[in-house]
Amino acid sequence: MACIVIDGVAMEVADGSPIIDACEEAGVTFGCRAGLCGSCVIVIESGMENLEAMTPEEENMGLAENQRLACQAVIRSGTVVASY
C-alpha cells in the first residue's frame, strides 16, 4: 500500500492507483476532473519520485516542478506528502 499525506491527513491507497479519491477526501477542490481546469493543483512537498510521470494534461498546464494535478497524478508506491 502507498500513502498520500495532504495537509497532515494521511490516507492509504493501493500501489499504482490515482490519488484523486484520497485528495478529494482530504478537501482538494476539483472542477473538471479531467486535467483541463487546474483547480486541483497540489504542491508535492516530498515523494515526487513515487509518482508516475506527468500526463500530457499536466505538461500542458505549465505547472512548477513541485506541482501536480490531483486528478491526474498516480502514486506508484511509497509515501507522497502534498499540500494545496
N, C-alpha and C. Protein backbone atom coordinates (compact mmCIF):
# COMPACT_ATOMS: atom_id res chain seq x y z
N MET A 1 0.84 -1.19 0.00
CA MET A 1 0.00 0.00 0.00
C MET A 1 0.88 1.26 0.00
N ALA A 2 0.43 2.24 -0.72
CA ALA A 2 1.08 3.54 -0.76
C ALA A 2 0.38 4.47 0.22
N CYS A 3 0.98 5.62 0.47
CA CYS A 3 0.39 6.57 1.40
C CYS A 3 0.48 7.97 0.80
N ILE A 4 -0.63 8.70 0.85
CA ILE A 4 -0.64 10.10 0.44
C ILE A 4 -1.00 10.92 1.69
N VAL A 5 -0.19 11.93 1.97
CA VAL A 5 -0.41 12.81 3.11
C VAL A 5 -0.70 14.19 2.56
N ILE A 6 -1.90 14.70 2.81
CA ILE A 6 -2.30 16.00 2.29
C ILE A 6 -2.66 16.89 3.46
N ASP A 7 -1.91 17.97 3.62
CA ASP A 7 -2.12 18.89 4.74
C ASP A 7 -2.24 18.15 6.06
N GLY A 8 -1.36 17.18 6.27
CA GLY A 8 -1.30 16.45 7.52
C GLY A 8 -2.25 15.27 7.65
N VAL A 9 -3.12 15.06 6.68
CA VAL A 9 -4.06 13.95 6.71
C VAL A 9 -3.49 12.81 5.87
N ALA A 10 -3.20 11.67 6.50
CA ALA A 10 -2.61 10.52 5.80
C ALA A 10 -3.70 9.53 5.41
N MET A 11 -3.59 9.04 4.18
CA MET A 11 -4.54 8.05 3.67
C MET A 11 -3.78 6.99 2.89
N GLU A 12 -4.15 5.75 3.07
CA GLU A 12 -3.54 4.67 2.29
C GLU A 12 -4.29 4.50 1.00
N VAL A 13 -3.54 4.23 -0.06
CA VAL A 13 -4.11 3.94 -1.38
C VAL A 13 -3.34 2.76 -1.95
N ALA A 14 -3.96 2.05 -2.84
CA ALA A 14 -3.30 0.91 -3.47
C ALA A 14 -2.15 1.40 -4.34
N ASP A 15 -1.04 0.65 -4.34
CA ASP A 15 0.07 0.97 -5.25
C ASP A 15 -0.46 1.05 -6.68
N GLY A 16 -0.01 2.05 -7.42
CA GLY A 16 -0.40 2.19 -8.82
C GLY A 16 -1.76 2.81 -9.04
N SER A 17 -2.32 3.42 -8.01
CA SER A 17 -3.66 3.98 -8.17
C SER A 17 -3.63 5.50 -8.26
N PRO A 18 -4.64 6.07 -8.91
CA PRO A 18 -4.76 7.53 -8.95
C PRO A 18 -4.99 8.05 -7.53
N ILE A 19 -4.51 9.24 -7.25
CA ILE A 19 -4.68 9.78 -5.91
C ILE A 19 -5.93 10.66 -5.79
N ILE A 20 -6.73 10.73 -6.83
CA ILE A 20 -7.88 11.63 -6.88
C ILE A 20 -8.85 11.41 -5.72
N ASP A 21 -9.18 10.18 -5.40
CA ASP A 21 -10.16 9.93 -4.34
C ASP A 21 -9.63 10.35 -2.98
N ALA A 22 -8.37 10.04 -2.70
CA ALA A 22 -7.77 10.44 -1.42
C ALA A 22 -7.69 11.96 -1.32
N CYS A 23 -7.35 12.61 -2.41
CA CYS A 23 -7.26 14.06 -2.41
C CYS A 23 -8.63 14.69 -2.18
N GLU A 24 -9.63 14.15 -2.82
CA GLU A 24 -10.98 14.68 -2.65
C GLU A 24 -11.43 14.51 -1.20
N GLU A 25 -11.12 13.36 -0.62
CA GLU A 25 -11.46 13.11 0.78
C GLU A 25 -10.76 14.10 1.70
N ALA A 26 -9.56 14.54 1.31
CA ALA A 26 -8.79 15.50 2.12
C ALA A 26 -9.21 16.94 1.87
N GLY A 27 -10.12 17.17 0.93
CA GLY A 27 -10.64 18.52 0.71
C GLY A 27 -10.11 19.26 -0.48
N VAL A 28 -9.34 18.60 -1.35
CA VAL A 28 -8.85 19.26 -2.56
C VAL A 28 -10.05 19.56 -3.46
N THR A 29 -10.09 20.78 -3.99
CA THR A 29 -11.20 21.21 -4.85
C THR A 29 -11.00 20.72 -6.28
N PHE A 30 -12.02 20.16 -6.86
CA PHE A 30 -11.98 19.69 -8.24
C PHE A 30 -13.02 20.42 -9.05
N GLY A 31 -12.65 20.77 -10.29
CA GLY A 31 -13.60 21.38 -11.21
C GLY A 31 -14.00 20.34 -12.24
N CYS A 32 -13.15 20.16 -13.23
CA CYS A 32 -13.48 19.29 -14.35
C CYS A 32 -13.10 17.83 -14.14
N ARG A 33 -12.12 17.54 -13.30
CA ARG A 33 -11.63 16.19 -13.03
C ARG A 33 -10.98 15.54 -14.26
N ALA A 34 -10.63 16.32 -15.26
CA ALA A 34 -10.04 15.79 -16.49
C ALA A 34 -8.70 16.44 -16.83
N GLY A 35 -8.15 17.24 -15.93
CA GLY A 35 -6.87 17.86 -16.18
C GLY A 35 -6.93 19.09 -17.06
N LEU A 36 -8.08 19.71 -17.15
CA LEU A 36 -8.22 20.86 -18.04
C LEU A 36 -8.34 22.20 -17.32
N CYS A 37 -8.85 22.21 -16.09
CA CYS A 37 -9.12 23.49 -15.44
C CYS A 37 -8.05 23.94 -14.46
N GLY A 38 -7.29 23.01 -13.88
CA GLY A 38 -6.24 23.36 -12.94
C GLY A 38 -6.71 23.67 -11.53
N SER A 39 -7.97 23.42 -11.22
CA SER A 39 -8.46 23.73 -9.87
C SER A 39 -7.90 22.81 -8.80
N CYS A 40 -7.35 21.68 -9.19
CA CYS A 40 -6.86 20.69 -8.22
C CYS A 40 -5.34 20.64 -8.13
N VAL A 41 -4.68 21.75 -8.41
CA VAL A 41 -3.22 21.79 -8.32
C VAL A 41 -2.81 21.56 -6.86
N ILE A 42 -1.89 20.63 -6.66
CA ILE A 42 -1.32 20.38 -5.34
C ILE A 42 0.19 20.57 -5.42
N VAL A 43 0.78 20.92 -4.29
CA VAL A 43 2.23 21.09 -4.19
C VAL A 43 2.79 19.83 -3.55
N ILE A 44 3.73 19.20 -4.23
CA ILE A 44 4.36 17.99 -3.70
C ILE A 44 5.54 18.42 -2.84
N GLU A 45 5.44 18.20 -1.54
CA GLU A 45 6.48 18.58 -0.60
C GLU A 45 7.58 17.53 -0.53
N SER A 46 7.21 16.27 -0.68
CA SER A 46 8.20 15.19 -0.75
C SER A 46 7.55 13.97 -1.39
N GLY A 47 8.38 13.13 -1.99
CA GLY A 47 7.89 11.90 -2.60
C GLY A 47 7.53 12.01 -4.07
N MET A 48 7.97 13.07 -4.75
CA MET A 48 7.68 13.21 -6.18
C MET A 48 8.15 11.98 -6.95
N GLU A 49 9.25 11.37 -6.50
CA GLU A 49 9.78 10.18 -7.17
C GLU A 49 8.84 8.98 -7.06
N ASN A 50 7.85 9.06 -6.18
CA ASN A 50 6.89 7.96 -6.02
C ASN A 50 5.67 8.11 -6.91
N LEU A 51 5.62 9.19 -7.69
CA LEU A 51 4.51 9.41 -8.61
C LEU A 51 4.91 9.03 -10.03
N GLU A 52 3.94 8.59 -10.81
CA GLU A 52 4.17 8.35 -12.23
C GLU A 52 4.52 9.68 -12.90
N ALA A 53 5.06 9.62 -14.09
CA ALA A 53 5.40 10.83 -14.85
C ALA A 53 4.15 11.67 -15.11
N MET A 54 4.36 12.95 -15.33
CA MET A 54 3.24 13.84 -15.63
C MET A 54 2.49 13.38 -16.86
N THR A 55 1.20 13.58 -16.84
CA THR A 55 0.37 13.29 -18.01
C THR A 55 0.50 14.45 -18.99
N PRO A 56 0.09 14.26 -20.24
CA PRO A 56 0.11 15.38 -21.20
C PRO A 56 -0.71 16.57 -20.70
N GLU A 57 -1.80 16.30 -20.00
CA GLU A 57 -2.63 17.39 -19.47
C GLU A 57 -1.84 18.23 -18.47
N GLU A 58 -1.06 17.55 -17.62
CA GLU A 58 -0.25 18.28 -16.64
C GLU A 58 0.87 19.05 -17.34
N GLU A 59 1.50 18.44 -18.32
CA GLU A 59 2.58 19.12 -19.04
C GLU A 59 2.06 20.37 -19.74
N ASN A 60 0.85 20.31 -20.27
CA ASN A 60 0.26 21.45 -20.96
C ASN A 60 -0.21 22.54 -20.01
N MET A 61 -0.35 22.22 -18.73
CA MET A 61 -0.83 23.17 -17.73
C MET A 61 0.27 24.16 -17.33
N GLY A 62 1.53 23.83 -17.61
CA GLY A 62 2.63 24.73 -17.24
C GLY A 62 2.88 24.77 -15.75
N LEU A 63 2.80 23.63 -15.09
CA LEU A 63 2.98 23.56 -13.64
C LEU A 63 4.45 23.74 -13.27
N ALA A 64 4.68 24.18 -12.04
CA ALA A 64 6.03 24.25 -11.49
C ALA A 64 6.52 22.83 -11.25
N GLU A 65 7.82 22.67 -11.04
CA GLU A 65 8.41 21.34 -10.86
C GLU A 65 7.82 20.59 -9.66
N ASN A 66 7.36 21.32 -8.65
CA ASN A 66 6.83 20.67 -7.45
C ASN A 66 5.30 20.62 -7.42
N GLN A 67 4.67 20.87 -8.55
CA GLN A 67 3.21 20.84 -8.61
C GLN A 67 2.72 19.69 -9.47
N ARG A 68 1.53 19.21 -9.13
CA ARG A 68 0.85 18.18 -9.92
C ARG A 68 -0.64 18.47 -9.88
N LEU A 69 -1.37 17.89 -10.81
CA LEU A 69 -2.83 17.94 -10.78
C LEU A 69 -3.30 16.70 -10.03
N ALA A 70 -4.04 16.90 -8.96
CA ALA A 70 -4.51 15.77 -8.15
C ALA A 70 -5.39 14.83 -8.97
N CYS A 71 -6.07 15.35 -9.96
CA CYS A 71 -6.95 14.50 -10.78
C CYS A 71 -6.18 13.62 -11.75
N GLN A 72 -4.89 13.90 -11.96
CA GLN A 72 -4.10 13.17 -12.94
C GLN A 72 -2.99 12.32 -12.32
N ALA A 73 -2.53 12.68 -11.13
CA ALA A 73 -1.38 12.03 -10.51
C ALA A 73 -1.70 10.60 -10.08
N VAL A 74 -0.73 9.71 -10.32
CA VAL A 74 -0.83 8.30 -9.93
C VAL A 74 0.37 7.97 -9.06
N ILE A 75 0.13 7.38 -7.90
CA ILE A 75 1.21 7.01 -7.00
C ILE A 75 1.64 5.58 -7.27
N ARG A 76 2.93 5.40 -7.51
CA ARG A 76 3.47 4.06 -7.78
C ARG A 76 3.53 3.25 -6.49
N SER A 77 4.15 3.82 -5.47
CA SER A 77 4.30 3.17 -4.17
C SER A 77 4.93 4.20 -3.24
N GLY A 78 5.12 3.83 -1.98
CA GLY A 78 5.78 4.73 -1.05
C GLY A 78 4.84 5.80 -0.52
N THR A 79 5.45 6.91 -0.11
CA THR A 79 4.69 8.00 0.51
C THR A 79 4.89 9.29 -0.28
N VAL A 80 3.81 10.02 -0.45
CA VAL A 80 3.85 11.35 -1.08
C VAL A 80 3.21 12.32 -0.09
N VAL A 81 3.92 13.41 0.19
CA VAL A 81 3.41 14.45 1.08
C VAL A 81 3.10 15.66 0.22
N ALA A 82 1.87 16.16 0.34
CA ALA A 82 1.43 17.28 -0.51
C ALA A 82 0.61 18.28 0.30
N SER A 83 0.43 19.44 -0.30
CA SER A 83 -0.45 20.46 0.26
C SER A 83 -1.18 21.12 -0.89
N TYR A 84 -2.25 21.81 -0.57
CA TYR A 84 -2.99 22.51 -1.62
C TYR A 84 -3.34 23.90 -1.18
